[in-house]
């Protein structure tokens, strides 16, 4: 139904966003069941929609956040499929957007936490590519962010 609604009115941002979220949910479920090929396909569809929406709404932080999340999801499935170069490229794109969003709103705890998690994920890719020194650098950056988060939000147990 969402596909039909989005196709019938491509200017309807709400339906396109819901369609992308649906694709991403399908991709996540397929990933959990071990169906990497279909998980990649649904995450690719979600990413394409979020790229379009973020491009049309360049100043909207929410669309940028969704795009970063889509790059992350796609890169994670690529990583699990053994496509370490593809995973690195997409995780790096997610990182760049997330860094920008975190810089725009340094008090946003969730964005800073996402940033540290992305750095760890990129570290895993470096390990898989046989580059432990580069991985260590990413892990140190993630730890630095987590240490600052701990100081800034001492009552948060996450």
C-alpha atoms as a PDB file:
ATOM      1  CA  UNK A   1       0.000   0.000   0.000  1.00  0.00           C
ATOM      2  CA  UNK A   2       2.801   2.428   0.923  1.00  0.00           C
ATOM      3  CA  UNK A   3       4.521   1.751  -2.414  1.00  0.00           C
ATOM      4  CA  UNK A   4       1.325   2.598  -4.275  1.00  0.00           C
ATOM      5  CA  UNK A   5       0.762   5.745  -2.214  1.00  0.00           C
ATOM      6  CA  UNK A   6       4.348   6.906  -2.706  1.00  0.00           C
ATOM      7  CA  UNK A   7       4.175   6.185  -6.446  1.00  0.00           C
ATOM      8  CA  UNK A   8       0.826   7.964  -6.816  1.00  0.00           C
ATOM      9  CA  UNK A   9       2.091  11.103  -5.101  1.00  0.00           C
ATOM     10  CA  UNK A  10       5.902  11.292  -5.153  1.00  0.00           C
ATOM     11  CA  UNK A  11       5.799  14.736  -3.516  1.00  0.00           C
ATOM     12  CA  UNK A  12       4.213  13.310  -0.375  1.00  0.00           C
ATOM     13  CA  UNK A  13       7.160  13.265   1.979  1.00  0.00           C
ATOM     14  CA  UNK A  14       5.223  11.502   4.738  1.00  0.00           C
ATOM     15  CA  UNK A  15       4.410   8.453   2.606  1.00  0.00           C
ATOM     16  CA  UNK A  16       7.914   8.223   1.178  1.00  0.00           C
ATOM     17  CA  UNK A  17       9.402   8.427   4.673  1.00  0.00           C
ATOM     18  CA  UNK A  18       7.005   5.697   5.886  1.00  0.00           C
ATOM     19  CA  UNK A  19       7.869   3.541   2.865  1.00  0.00           C
ATOM     20  CA  UNK A  20      11.593   3.904   3.573  1.00  0.00           C
ATOM     21  CA  UNK A  21      11.010   3.005   7.231  1.00  0.00           C
ATOM     22  CA  UNK A  22       9.067  -0.074   6.132  1.00  0.00           C
ATOM     23  CA  UNK A  23      11.877  -1.134   3.810  1.00  0.00           C
ATOM     24  CA  UNK A  24      14.379  -0.620   6.602  1.00  0.00           C
ATOM     25  CA  UNK A  25      12.284  -2.712   9.010  1.00  0.00           C
ATOM     26  CA  UNK A  26      12.033  -5.500   6.426  1.00  0.00           C
ATOM     27  CA  UNK A  27      15.781  -5.310   5.883  1.00  0.00           C
ATOM     28  CA  UNK A  28      16.436  -5.567   9.617  1.00  0.00           C
ATOM     29  CA  UNK A  29      14.122  -8.551   9.961  1.00  0.00           C
ATOM     30  CA  UNK A  30      15.660 -10.316   6.980  1.00  0.00           C
ATOM     31  CA  UNK A  31      19.114  -9.623   8.402  1.00  0.00           C
ATOM     32  CA  UNK A  32      18.078 -11.294  11.662  1.00  0.00           C
ATOM     33  CA  UNK A  33      16.875 -14.365   9.753  1.00  0.00           C
ATOM     34  CA  UNK A  34      20.179 -14.609   7.881  1.00  0.00           C
ATOM     35  CA  UNK A  35      18.802 -13.553   4.482  1.00  0.00           C
ATOM     36  CA  UNK A  36      21.599 -11.121   3.646  1.00  0.00           C
ATOM     37  CA  UNK A  37      20.766 -10.770  -0.052  1.00  0.00           C
ATOM     38  CA  UNK A  38      17.204  -9.604   0.557  1.00  0.00           C
ATOM     39  CA  UNK A  39      18.284  -7.566   3.586  1.00  0.00           C
ATOM     40  CA  UNK A  40      20.728  -5.711   1.333  1.00  0.00           C
ATOM     41  CA  UNK A  41      18.019  -5.100  -1.261  1.00  0.00           C
ATOM     42  CA  UNK A  42      15.502  -3.651   1.202  1.00  0.00           C
ATOM     43  CA  UNK A  43      18.149  -1.540   2.909  1.00  0.00           C
ATOM     44  CA  UNK A  44      19.239  -0.285  -0.522  1.00  0.00           C
ATOM     45  CA  UNK A  45      15.650   0.748  -1.301  1.00  0.00           C
ATOM     46  CA  UNK A  46      15.382   2.555   2.034  1.00  0.00           C
ATOM     47  CA  UNK A  47      18.725   4.283   1.471  1.00  0.00           C
ATOM     48  CA  UNK A  48      17.687   5.519  -1.978  1.00  0.00           C
ATOM     49  CA  UNK A  49      14.506   7.065  -0.588  1.00  0.00           C
ATOM     50  CA  UNK A  50      16.318   8.672   2.344  1.00  0.00           C
ATOM     51  CA  UNK A  51      18.982  10.049  -0.021  1.00  0.00           C
ATOM     52  CA  UNK A  52      16.239  11.660  -2.065  1.00  0.00           C
ATOM     53  CA  UNK A  53      14.399  13.032   0.972  1.00  0.00           C
ATOM     54  CA  UNK A  54      17.590  14.367   2.561  1.00  0.00           C
ATOM     55  CA  UNK A  55      18.542  16.030  -0.717  1.00  0.00           C
ATOM     56  CA  UNK A  56      15.139  17.677  -1.015  1.00  0.00           C
ATOM     57  CA  UNK A  57      15.241  18.782   2.633  1.00  0.00           C
ATOM     58  CA  UNK A  58      18.940  19.551   3.052  1.00  0.00           C
ATOM     59  CA  UNK A  59      18.474  21.820   6.070  1.00  0.00           C
ATOM     60  CA  UNK A  60      16.293  19.363   7.977  1.00  0.00           C
ATOM     61  CA  UNK A  61      18.311  17.581  10.666  1.00  0.00           C
ATOM     62  CA  UNK A  62      15.711  14.806  10.969  1.00  0.00           C
ATOM     63  CA  UNK A  63      16.150  13.770   7.330  1.00  0.00           C
ATOM     64  CA  UNK A  64      19.925  13.916   7.738  1.00  0.00           C
ATOM     65  CA  UNK A  65      19.657  11.689  10.831  1.00  0.00           C
ATOM     66  CA  UNK A  66      17.494   9.204   8.926  1.00  0.00           C
ATOM     67  CA  UNK A  67      19.971   9.202   6.047  1.00  0.00           C
ATOM     68  CA  UNK A  68      22.858   8.533   8.436  1.00  0.00           C
ATOM     69  CA  UNK A  69      20.895   5.667   9.961  1.00  0.00           C
ATOM     70  CA  UNK A  70      20.187   4.236   6.489  1.00  0.00           C
ATOM     71  CA  UNK A  71      23.874   4.356   5.527  1.00  0.00           C
ATOM     72  CA  UNK A  72      24.667   2.634   8.825  1.00  0.00           C
ATOM     73  CA  UNK A  73      22.080  -0.122   8.292  1.00  0.00           C
ATOM     74  CA  UNK A  74      23.216  -0.745   4.728  1.00  0.00           C
ATOM     75  CA  UNK A  75      26.875  -0.750   5.735  1.00  0.00           C
ATOM     76  CA  UNK A  76      26.203  -3.162   8.587  1.00  0.00           C
ATOM     77  CA  UNK A  77      24.543  -5.676   6.252  1.00  0.00           C
ATOM     78  CA  UNK A  78      27.432  -5.275   3.808  1.00  0.00           C
ATOM     79  CA  UNK A  79      29.857  -5.977   6.661  1.00  0.00           C
ATOM     80  CA  UNK A  80      28.003  -9.134   7.653  1.00  0.00           C
ATOM     81  CA  UNK A  81      28.018 -10.196   3.985  1.00  0.00           C
ATOM     82  CA  UNK A  82      31.799  -9.832   3.810  1.00  0.00           C
ATOM     83  CA  UNK A  83      31.796  -6.669   1.680  1.00  0.00           C
ATOM     84  CA  UNK A  84      34.192  -4.791   3.929  1.00  0.00           C
ATOM     85  CA  UNK A  85      35.005  -2.047   1.414  1.00  0.00           C
ATOM     86  CA  UNK A  86      31.325  -1.323   0.786  1.00  0.00           C
ATOM     87  CA  UNK A  87      30.647  -1.407   4.516  1.00  0.00           C
ATOM     88  CA  UNK A  88      33.491   1.017   5.169  1.00  0.00           C
ATOM     89  CA  UNK A  89      32.232   3.456   2.521  1.00  0.00           C
ATOM     90  CA  UNK A  90      28.681   3.491   3.861  1.00  0.00           C
ATOM     91  CA  UNK A  91      29.662   3.605   7.518  1.00  0.00           C
ATOM     92  CA  UNK A  92      32.001   6.486   6.683  1.00  0.00           C
ATOM     93  CA  UNK A  93      29.120   8.380   5.034  1.00  0.00           C
ATOM     94  CA  UNK A  94      27.013   7.768   8.113  1.00  0.00           C
ATOM     95  CA  UNK A  95      29.876   8.971  10.297  1.00  0.00           C
ATOM     96  CA  UNK A  96      30.286  12.214   8.330  1.00  0.00           C
ATOM     97  CA  UNK A  97      26.603  13.069   8.659  1.00  0.00           C
ATOM     98  CA  UNK A  98      26.518  12.091  12.331  1.00  0.00           C
ATOM     99  CA  UNK A  99      29.625  14.177  13.080  1.00  0.00           C
ATOM    100  CA  UNK A 100      27.975  17.171  11.451  1.00  0.00           C
ATOM    101  CA  UNK A 101      24.755  16.677  13.419  1.00  0.00           C
ATOM    102  CA  UNK A 102      26.667  16.205  16.680  1.00  0.00           C
ATOM    103  CA  UNK A 103      28.657  19.382  16.018  1.00  0.00           C
ATOM    104  CA  UNK A 104      25.438  21.323  15.390  1.00  0.00           C
ATOM    105  CA  UNK A 105      23.986  20.152  18.681  1.00  0.00           C
ATOM    106  CA  UNK A 106      26.741  19.111  21.101  1.00  0.00           C
ATOM    107  CA  UNK A 107      24.251  18.720  23.962  1.00  0.00           C
ATOM    108  CA  UNK A 108      22.457  15.928  22.074  1.00  0.00           C
ATOM    109  CA  UNK A 109      23.442  12.838  24.037  1.00  0.00           C
ATOM    110  CA  UNK A 110      21.920  10.384  21.559  1.00  0.00           C
ATOM    111  CA  UNK A 111      23.841  11.835  18.616  1.00  0.00           C
ATOM    112  CA  UNK A 112      27.119  11.692  20.517  1.00  0.00           C
ATOM    113  CA  UNK A 113      26.395   8.086  21.541  1.00  0.00           C
ATOM    114  CA  UNK A 114      25.603   7.224  17.898  1.00  0.00           C
ATOM    115  CA  UNK A 115      28.894   8.802  16.912  1.00  0.00           C
ATOM    116  CA  UNK A 116      30.848   6.610  19.325  1.00  0.00           C
ATOM    117  CA  UNK A 117      29.013   3.487  18.133  1.00  0.00           C
ATOM    118  CA  UNK A 118      29.787   4.312  14.499  1.00  0.00           C
ATOM    119  CA  UNK A 119      33.462   4.716  15.320  1.00  0.00           C
ATOM    120  CA  UNK A 120      33.411   1.264  16.924  1.00  0.00           C
ATOM    121  CA  UNK A 121      31.688  -0.230  13.871  1.00  0.00           C
ATOM    122  CA  UNK A 122      34.304   1.300  11.595  1.00  0.00           C
ATOM    123  CA  UNK A 123      36.913  -0.198  13.910  1.00  0.00           C
ATOM    124  CA  UNK A 124      35.384  -3.647  13.349  1.00  0.00           C
ATOM    125  CA  UNK A 125      35.668  -3.123   9.602  1.00  0.00           C
ATOM    126  CA  UNK A 126      39.313  -2.170   9.954  1.00  0.00           C
ATOM    127  CA  UNK A 127      39.949  -5.332  11.986  1.00  0.00           C
ATOM    128  CA  UNK A 128      38.254  -7.417   9.285  1.00  0.00           C
ATOM    129  CA  UNK A 129      40.391  -5.727   6.644  1.00  0.00           C
ATOM    130  CA  UNK A 130      43.558  -6.568   8.583  1.00  0.00           C
ATOM    131  CA  UNK A 131      44.256  -3.011   9.740  1.00  0.00           C
ATOM    132  CA  UNK A 132      44.426  -3.219  13.552  1.00  0.00           C
ATOM    133  CA  UNK A 133      46.235   0.116  13.993  1.00  0.00           C
ATOM    134  CA  UNK A 134      43.431   1.959  12.193  1.00  0.00           C
ATOM    135  CA  UNK A 135      40.878   0.033  14.265  1.00  0.00           C
ATOM    136  CA  UNK A 136      42.631   1.021  17.467  1.00  0.00           C
ATOM    137  CA  UNK A 137      42.442   4.686  16.454  1.00  0.00           C
ATOM    138  CA  UNK A 138      38.671   4.388  15.966  1.00  0.00           C
ATOM    139  CA  UNK A 139      38.220   2.600  19.287  1.00  0.00           C
ATOM    140  CA  UNK A 140      40.201   5.318  21.079  1.00  0.00           C
ATOM    141  CA  UNK A 141      38.031   8.022  19.531  1.00  0.00           C
ATOM    142  CA  UNK A 142      34.895   6.125  20.573  1.00  0.00           C
ATOM    143  CA  UNK A 143      36.238   5.727  24.119  1.00  0.00           C
ATOM    144  CA  UNK A 144      37.005   9.442  24.312  1.00  0.00           C
ATOM    145  CA  UNK A 145      33.414  10.276  23.365  1.00  0.00           C
ATOM    146  CA  UNK A 146      32.040   7.728  25.845  1.00  0.00           C
ATOM    147  CA  UNK A 147      34.260   9.145  28.587  1.00  0.00           C
ATOM    148  CA  UNK A 148      32.933  12.653  27.923  1.00  0.00           C
ATOM    149  CA  UNK A 149      29.375  11.334  27.839  1.00  0.00           C
ATOM    150  CA  UNK A 150      29.945   9.697  31.204  1.00  0.00           C
ATOM    151  CA  UNK A 151      31.133  12.983  32.660  1.00  0.00           C
ATOM    152  CA  UNK A 152      28.319  14.994  31.056  1.00  0.00           C
ATOM    153  CA  UNK A 153      25.550  12.522  31.905  1.00  0.00           C
ATOM    154  CA  UNK A 154      26.687  10.663  35.039  1.00  0.00           C
ATOM    155  CA  UNK A 155      23.216   9.279  35.822  1.00  0.00           C
ATOM    156  CA  UNK A 156      22.767   7.638  32.429  1.00  0.00           C
ATOM    157  CA  UNK A 157      23.633   3.960  32.595  1.00  0.00           C
ATOM    158  CA  UNK A 158      23.651   3.304  28.807  1.00  0.00           C
END
